[in-house]
Amino acid sequence: MSMSAYVYRLSLTHARLQDAIRRELKSRFPDWLRVARLKKLRLAIKDRLAAQGFSGADNRRSLV
């Protein structure tokens, strides 16, 4: 697997985890343990992306 494919797979996984967190939080009775686990996994993926030198669009801040 090439490095760009690896980064692509990580970014897809990060987005899927983000969607899962949003869905869980929108439910009537969110499972807070599941939310915490998903956030921990998402952070681990974000750390791997940062180690590859990738900064996603969600990390960019406008300085205007």
PDB file of N, CA and C in Angstrom:
ATOM      1  N   MET A   1       0.856  -1.174   0.000  1.00  0.00           N
ATOM      2  CA  MET A   1       0.000   0.000   0.000  1.00  0.00           C
ATOM      3  C   MET A   1       0.899   1.234   0.000  1.00  0.00           C
ATOM      4  N   SER A   2       0.651   2.126  -0.937  1.00  0.00           N
ATOM      5  CA  SER A   2       1.454   3.339  -0.997  1.00  0.00           C
ATOM      6  C   SER A   2       1.087   4.276   0.150  1.00  0.00           C
ATOM      7  N   MET A   3       1.953   5.241   0.395  1.00  0.00           N
ATOM      8  CA  MET A   3       1.732   6.151   1.508  1.00  0.00           C
ATOM      9  C   MET A   3       0.455   6.974   1.312  1.00  0.00           C
ATOM     10  N   SER A   4       0.196   7.402   0.075  1.00  0.00           N
ATOM     11  CA  SER A   4      -1.009   8.195  -0.143  1.00  0.00           C
ATOM     12  C   SER A   4      -2.261   7.347   0.067  1.00  0.00           C
ATOM     13  N   ALA A   5      -2.211   6.063  -0.275  1.00  0.00           N
ATOM     14  CA  ALA A   5      -3.347   5.175  -0.030  1.00  0.00           C
ATOM     15  C   ALA A   5      -3.558   5.001   1.469  1.00  0.00           C
ATOM     16  N   TYR A   6      -2.463   4.925   2.205  1.00  0.00           N
ATOM     17  CA  TYR A   6      -2.537   4.797   3.663  1.00  0.00           C
ATOM     18  C   TYR A   6      -3.191   6.032   4.278  1.00  0.00           C
ATOM     19  N   VAL A   7      -2.767   7.199   3.843  1.00  0.00           N
ATOM     20  CA  VAL A   7      -3.339   8.451   4.345  1.00  0.00           C
ATOM     21  C   VAL A   7      -4.810   8.550   3.954  1.00  0.00           C
ATOM     22  N   TYR A   8      -5.131   8.126   2.744  1.00  0.00           N
ATOM     23  CA  TYR A   8      -6.520   8.145   2.286  1.00  0.00           C
ATOM     24  C   TYR A   8      -7.391   7.248   3.158  1.00  0.00           C
ATOM     25  N   ARG A   9      -6.908   6.027   3.449  1.00  0.00           N
ATOM     26  CA  ARG A   9      -7.669   5.102   4.294  1.00  0.00           C
ATOM     27  C   ARG A   9      -7.841   5.662   5.703  1.00  0.00           C
ATOM     28  N   LEU A  10      -6.788   6.287   6.230  1.00  0.00           N
ATOM     29  CA  LEU A  10      -6.891   6.895   7.555  1.00  0.00           C
ATOM     30  C   LEU A  10      -7.913   8.027   7.564  1.00  0.00           C
ATOM     31  N   SER A  11      -7.901   8.854   6.524  1.00  0.00           N
ATOM     32  CA  SER A  11      -8.850   9.972   6.486  1.00  0.00           C
ATOM     33  C   SER A  11     -10.287   9.474   6.333  1.00  0.00           C
ATOM     34  N   LEU A  12     -10.491   8.387   5.585  1.00  0.00           N
ATOM     35  CA  LEU A  12     -11.831   7.795   5.489  1.00  0.00           C
ATOM     36  C   LEU A  12     -12.291   7.262   6.839  1.00  0.00           C
ATOM     37  N   THR A  13     -11.393   6.588   7.528  1.00  0.00           N
ATOM     38  CA  THR A  13     -11.718   6.047   8.845  1.00  0.00           C
ATOM     39  C   THR A  13     -12.044   7.172   9.816  1.00  0.00           C
ATOM     40  N   HIS A  14     -11.291   8.248   9.764  1.00  0.00           N
ATOM     41  CA  HIS A  14     -11.534   9.406  10.622  1.00  0.00           C
ATOM     42  C   HIS A  14     -12.920   9.981  10.359  1.00  0.00           C
ATOM     43  N   ALA A  15     -13.280  10.117   9.083  1.00  0.00           N
ATOM     44  CA  ALA A  15     -14.591  10.660   8.728  1.00  0.00           C
ATOM     45  C   ALA A  15     -15.719   9.734   9.186  1.00  0.00           C
ATOM     46  N   ARG A  16     -15.529   8.434   9.043  1.00  0.00           N
ATOM     47  CA  ARG A  16     -16.554   7.483   9.486  1.00  0.00           C
ATOM     48  C   ARG A  16     -16.733   7.520  10.998  1.00  0.00           C
ATOM     49  N   LEU A  17     -15.640   7.652  11.712  1.00  0.00           N
ATOM     50  CA  LEU A  17     -15.739   7.766  13.165  1.00  0.00           C
ATOM     51  C   LEU A  17     -16.465   9.050  13.560  1.00  0.00           C
ATOM     52  N   GLN A  18     -16.169  10.138  12.860  1.00  0.00           N
ATOM     53  CA  GLN A  18     -16.838  11.410  13.128  1.00  0.00           C
ATOM     54  C   GLN A  18     -18.339  11.280  12.901  1.00  0.00           C
ATOM     55  N   ASP A  19     -18.729  10.621  11.819  1.00  0.00           N
ATOM     56  CA  ASP A  19     -20.157  10.412  11.540  1.00  0.00           C
ATOM     57  C   ASP A  19     -20.811   9.548  12.614  1.00  0.00           C
ATOM     58  N   ALA A  20     -20.108   8.516  13.058  1.00  0.00           N
ATOM     59  CA  ALA A  20     -20.652   7.638  14.099  1.00  0.00           C
ATOM     60  C   ALA A  20     -20.850   8.409  15.404  1.00  0.00           C
ATOM     61  N   ILE A  21     -19.918   9.297  15.714  1.00  0.00           N
ATOM     62  CA  ILE A  21     -20.039  10.115  16.927  1.00  0.00           C
ATOM     63  C   ILE A  21     -21.252  11.034  16.811  1.00  0.00           C
ATOM     64  N   ARG A  22     -21.409  11.683  15.658  1.00  0.00           N
ATOM     65  CA  ARG A  22     -22.558  12.574  15.452  1.00  0.00           C
ATOM     66  C   ARG A  22     -23.875  11.824  15.587  1.00  0.00           C
ATOM     67  N   ARG A  23     -23.948  10.635  14.960  1.00  0.00           N
ATOM     68  CA  ARG A  23     -25.178   9.841  15.034  1.00  0.00           C
ATOM     69  C   ARG A  23     -25.492   9.440  16.467  1.00  0.00           C
ATOM     70  N   GLU A  24     -24.470   9.035  17.200  1.00  0.00           N
ATOM     71  CA  GLU A  24     -24.692   8.613  18.588  1.00  0.00           C
ATOM     72  C   GLU A  24     -25.162   9.788  19.440  1.00  0.00           C
ATOM     73  N   LEU A  25     -24.569  10.951  19.227  1.00  0.00           N
ATOM     74  CA  LEU A  25     -24.953  12.123  20.015  1.00  0.00           C
ATOM     75  C   LEU A  25     -26.354  12.619  19.674  1.00  0.00           C
ATOM     76  N   LYS A  26     -26.821  12.354  18.455  1.00  0.00           N
ATOM     77  CA  LYS A  26     -28.165  12.771  18.062  1.00  0.00           C
ATOM     78  C   LYS A  26     -29.242  11.810  18.554  1.00  0.00           C
ATOM     79  N   SER A  27     -28.840  10.628  18.995  1.00  0.00           N
ATOM     80  CA  SER A  27     -29.844   9.665  19.453  1.00  0.00           C
ATOM     81  C   SER A  27     -30.503  10.165  20.739  1.00  0.00           C
ATOM     82  N   ARG A  28     -31.656   9.636  21.021  1.00  0.00           N
ATOM     83  CA  ARG A  28     -32.422  10.107  22.177  1.00  0.00           C
ATOM     84  C   ARG A  28     -31.680   9.856  23.479  1.00  0.00           C
ATOM     85  N   PHE A  29     -31.069   8.687  23.599  1.00  0.00           N
ATOM     86  CA  PHE A  29     -30.289   8.341  24.787  1.00  0.00           C
ATOM     87  C   PHE A  29     -28.897   7.895  24.355  1.00  0.00           C
ATOM     88  N   PRO A  30     -27.983   8.855  24.197  1.00  0.00           N
ATOM     89  CA  PRO A  30     -26.647   8.498  23.718  1.00  0.00           C
ATOM     90  C   PRO A  30     -25.920   7.589  24.716  1.00  0.00           C
ATOM     91  N   ASP A  31     -25.177   6.653  24.166  1.00  0.00           N
ATOM     92  CA  ASP A  31     -24.327   5.774  24.969  1.00  0.00           C
ATOM     93  C   ASP A  31     -22.987   6.490  25.138  1.00  0.00           C
ATOM     94  N   TRP A  32     -22.784   7.086  26.309  1.00  0.00           N
ATOM     95  CA  TRP A  32     -21.611   7.924  26.531  1.00  0.00           C
ATOM     96  C   TRP A  32     -20.318   7.129  26.539  1.00  0.00           C
ATOM     97  N   LEU A  33     -20.382   5.871  26.913  1.00  0.00           N
ATOM     98  CA  LEU A  33     -19.193   5.025  26.857  1.00  0.00           C
ATOM     99  C   LEU A  33     -18.789   4.790  25.401  1.00  0.00           C
ATOM    100  N   ARG A  34     -19.776   4.549  24.550  1.00  0.00           N
ATOM    101  CA  ARG A  34     -19.493   4.363  23.118  1.00  0.00           C
ATOM    102  C   ARG A  34     -18.936   5.642  22.518  1.00  0.00           C
ATOM    103  N   VAL A  35     -19.502   6.783  22.892  1.00  0.00           N
ATOM    104  CA  VAL A  35     -19.008   8.073  22.391  1.00  0.00           C
ATOM    105  C   VAL A  35     -17.547   8.266  22.793  1.00  0.00           C
ATOM    106  N   ALA A  36     -17.226   7.970  24.039  1.00  0.00           N
ATOM    107  CA  ALA A  36     -15.845   8.119  24.516  1.00  0.00           C
ATOM    108  C   ALA A  36     -14.896   7.202  23.751  1.00  0.00           C
ATOM    109  N   ARG A  37     -15.320   5.969  23.498  1.00  0.00           N
ATOM    110  CA  ARG A  37     -14.474   5.029  22.750  1.00  0.00           C
ATOM    111  C   ARG A  37     -14.262   5.500  21.313  1.00  0.00           C
ATOM    112  N   LEU A  38     -15.342   5.969  20.687  1.00  0.00           N
ATOM    113  CA  LEU A  38     -15.226   6.469  19.316  1.00  0.00           C
ATOM    114  C   LEU A  38     -14.307   7.682  19.246  1.00  0.00           C
ATOM    115  N   LYS A  39     -14.417   8.566  20.220  1.00  0.00           N
ATOM    116  CA  LYS A  39     -13.550   9.749  20.238  1.00  0.00           C
ATOM    117  C   LYS A  39     -12.092   9.363  20.436  1.00  0.00           C
ATOM    118  N   LYS A  40     -11.853   8.362  21.264  1.00  0.00           N
ATOM    119  CA  LYS A  40     -10.481   7.898  21.491  1.00  0.00           C
ATOM    120  C   LYS A  40      -9.897   7.304  20.205  1.00  0.00           C
ATOM    121  N   LEU A  41     -10.702   6.528  19.496  1.00  0.00           N
ATOM    122  CA  LEU A  41     -10.251   5.970  18.218  1.00  0.00           C
ATOM    123  C   LEU A  41     -10.002   7.071  17.196  1.00  0.00           C
ATOM    124  N   ARG A  42     -10.917   8.049  17.147  1.00  0.00           N
ATOM    125  CA  ARG A  42     -10.761   9.161  16.206  1.00  0.00           C
ATOM    126  C   ARG A  42      -9.480   9.939  16.490  1.00  0.00           C
ATOM    127  N   LEU A  43      -9.176  10.151  17.753  1.00  0.00           N
ATOM    128  CA  LEU A  43      -7.946  10.855  18.117  1.00  0.00           C
ATOM    129  C   LEU A  43      -6.710  10.056  17.719  1.00  0.00           C
ATOM    130  N   ALA A  44      -6.756   8.735  17.875  1.00  0.00           N
ATOM    131  CA  ALA A  44      -5.632   7.891  17.468  1.00  0.00           C
ATOM    132  C   ALA A  44      -5.404   7.996  15.959  1.00  0.00           C
ATOM    133  N   ILE A  45      -6.484   8.019  15.196  1.00  0.00           N
ATOM    134  CA  ILE A  45      -6.374   8.167  13.739  1.00  0.00           C
ATOM    135  C   ILE A  45      -5.812   9.538  13.394  1.00  0.00           C
ATOM    136  N   LYS A  46      -6.275  10.555  14.096  1.00  0.00           N
ATOM    137  CA  LYS A  46      -5.784  11.912  13.857  1.00  0.00           C
ATOM    138  C   LYS A  46      -4.286  12.002  14.152  1.00  0.00           C
ATOM    139  N   ASP A  47      -3.838  11.338  15.208  1.00  0.00           N
ATOM    140  CA  ASP A  47      -2.410  11.317  15.534  1.00  0.00           C
ATOM    141  C   ASP A  47      -1.604  10.625  14.440  1.00  0.00           C
ATOM    142  N   ARG A  48      -2.142   9.525  13.898  1.00  0.00           N
ATOM    143  CA  ARG A  48      -1.455   8.839  12.796  1.00  0.00           C
ATOM    144  C   ARG A  48      -1.370   9.734  11.566  1.00  0.00           C
ATOM    145  N   LEU A  49      -2.453  10.454  11.276  1.00  0.00           N
ATOM    146  CA  LEU A  49      -2.431  11.378  10.146  1.00  0.00           C
ATOM    147  C   LEU A  49      -1.392  12.478  10.360  1.00  0.00           C
ATOM    148  N   ALA A  50      -1.329  12.998  11.565  1.00  0.00           N
ATOM    149  CA  ALA A  50      -0.355  14.047  11.872  1.00  0.00           C
ATOM    150  C   ALA A  50       1.068  13.516  11.736  1.00  0.00           C
ATOM    151  N   ALA A  51       1.276  12.268  12.110  1.00  0.00           N
ATOM    152  CA  ALA A  51       2.604  11.667  11.983  1.00  0.00           C
ATOM    153  C   ALA A  51       3.012  11.532  10.515  1.00  0.00           C
ATOM    154  N   GLN A  52       2.040  11.428   9.634  1.00  0.00           N
ATOM    155  CA  GLN A  52       2.323  11.333   8.200  1.00  0.00           C
ATOM    156  C   GLN A  52       2.467  12.713   7.559  1.00  0.00           C
ATOM    157  N   GLY A  53       2.278  13.771   8.348  1.00  0.00           N
ATOM    158  CA  GLY A  53       2.416  15.126   7.835  1.00  0.00           C
ATOM    159  C   GLY A  53       1.174  15.614   7.127  1.00  0.00           C
ATOM    160  N   PHE A  54       0.045  14.969   7.380  1.00  0.00           N
ATOM    161  CA  PHE A  54      -1.206  15.348   6.743  1.00  0.00           C
ATOM    162  C   PHE A  54      -1.999  16.218   7.693  1.00  0.00           C
ATOM    163  N   SER A  55      -2.457  17.357   7.178  1.00  0.00           N
ATOM    164  CA  SER A  55      -3.370  18.202   7.977  1.00  0.00           C
ATOM    165  C   SER A  55      -4.672  18.299   7.222  1.00  0.00           C
ATOM    166  N   GLY A  56      -5.716  17.760   7.794  1.00  0.00           N
ATOM    167  CA  GLY A  56      -7.024  17.724   7.138  1.00  0.00           C
ATOM    168  C   GLY A  56      -7.676  19.076   7.093  1.00  0.00           C
ATOM    169  N   ALA A  57      -8.719  19.194   6.292  1.00  0.00           N
ATOM    170  CA  ALA A  57      -9.436  20.454   6.140  1.00  0.00           C
ATOM    171  C   ALA A  57     -10.078  20.908   7.448  1.00  0.00           C
ATOM    172  N   ASP A  58     -10.442  19.916   8.310  1.00  0.00           N
ATOM    173  CA  ASP A  58     -11.078  20.287   9.561  1.00  0.00           C
ATOM    174  C   ASP A  58     -10.089  20.912  10.543  1.00  0.00           C
ATOM    175  N   ASN A  59      -8.787  20.782  10.279  1.00  0.00           N
ATOM    176  CA  ASN A  59      -7.780  21.356  11.168  1.00  0.00           C
ATOM    177  C   ASN A  59      -7.386  22.761  10.748  1.00  0.00           C
ATOM    178  N   ARG A  60      -7.769  23.169   9.557  1.00  0.00           N
ATOM    179  CA  ARG A  60      -7.393  24.495   9.057  1.00  0.00           C
ATOM    180  C   ARG A  60      -8.279  25.553   9.691  1.00  0.00           C
ATOM    181  N   ARG A  61      -7.661  26.630  10.065  1.00  0.00           N
ATOM    182  CA  ARG A  61      -8.394  27.752  10.662  1.00  0.00           C
ATOM    183  C   ARG A  61      -8.164  28.985   9.813  1.00  0.00           C
ATOM    184  N   SER A  62      -9.219  29.726   9.598  1.00  0.00           N
ATOM    185  CA  SER A  62      -9.107  30.971   8.849  1.00  0.00           C
ATOM    186  C   SER A  62      -8.585  32.063   9.773  1.00  0.00           C
ATOM    187  N   LEU A  63      -7.630  32.824   9.282  1.00  0.00           N
ATOM    188  CA  LEU A  63      -7.046  33.891  10.087  1.00  0.00           C
ATOM    189  C   LEU A  63      -7.650  35.241   9.755  1.00  0.00           C
ATOM    190  N   VAL A  64      -8.801  35.260   9.121  1.00  0.00           N
ATOM    191  CA  VAL A  64      -9.447  36.515   8.724  1.00  0.00           C
ATOM    192  C   VAL A  64     -10.201  37.084   9.893  1.00  0.00           C
TER     193      VAL A  64
END
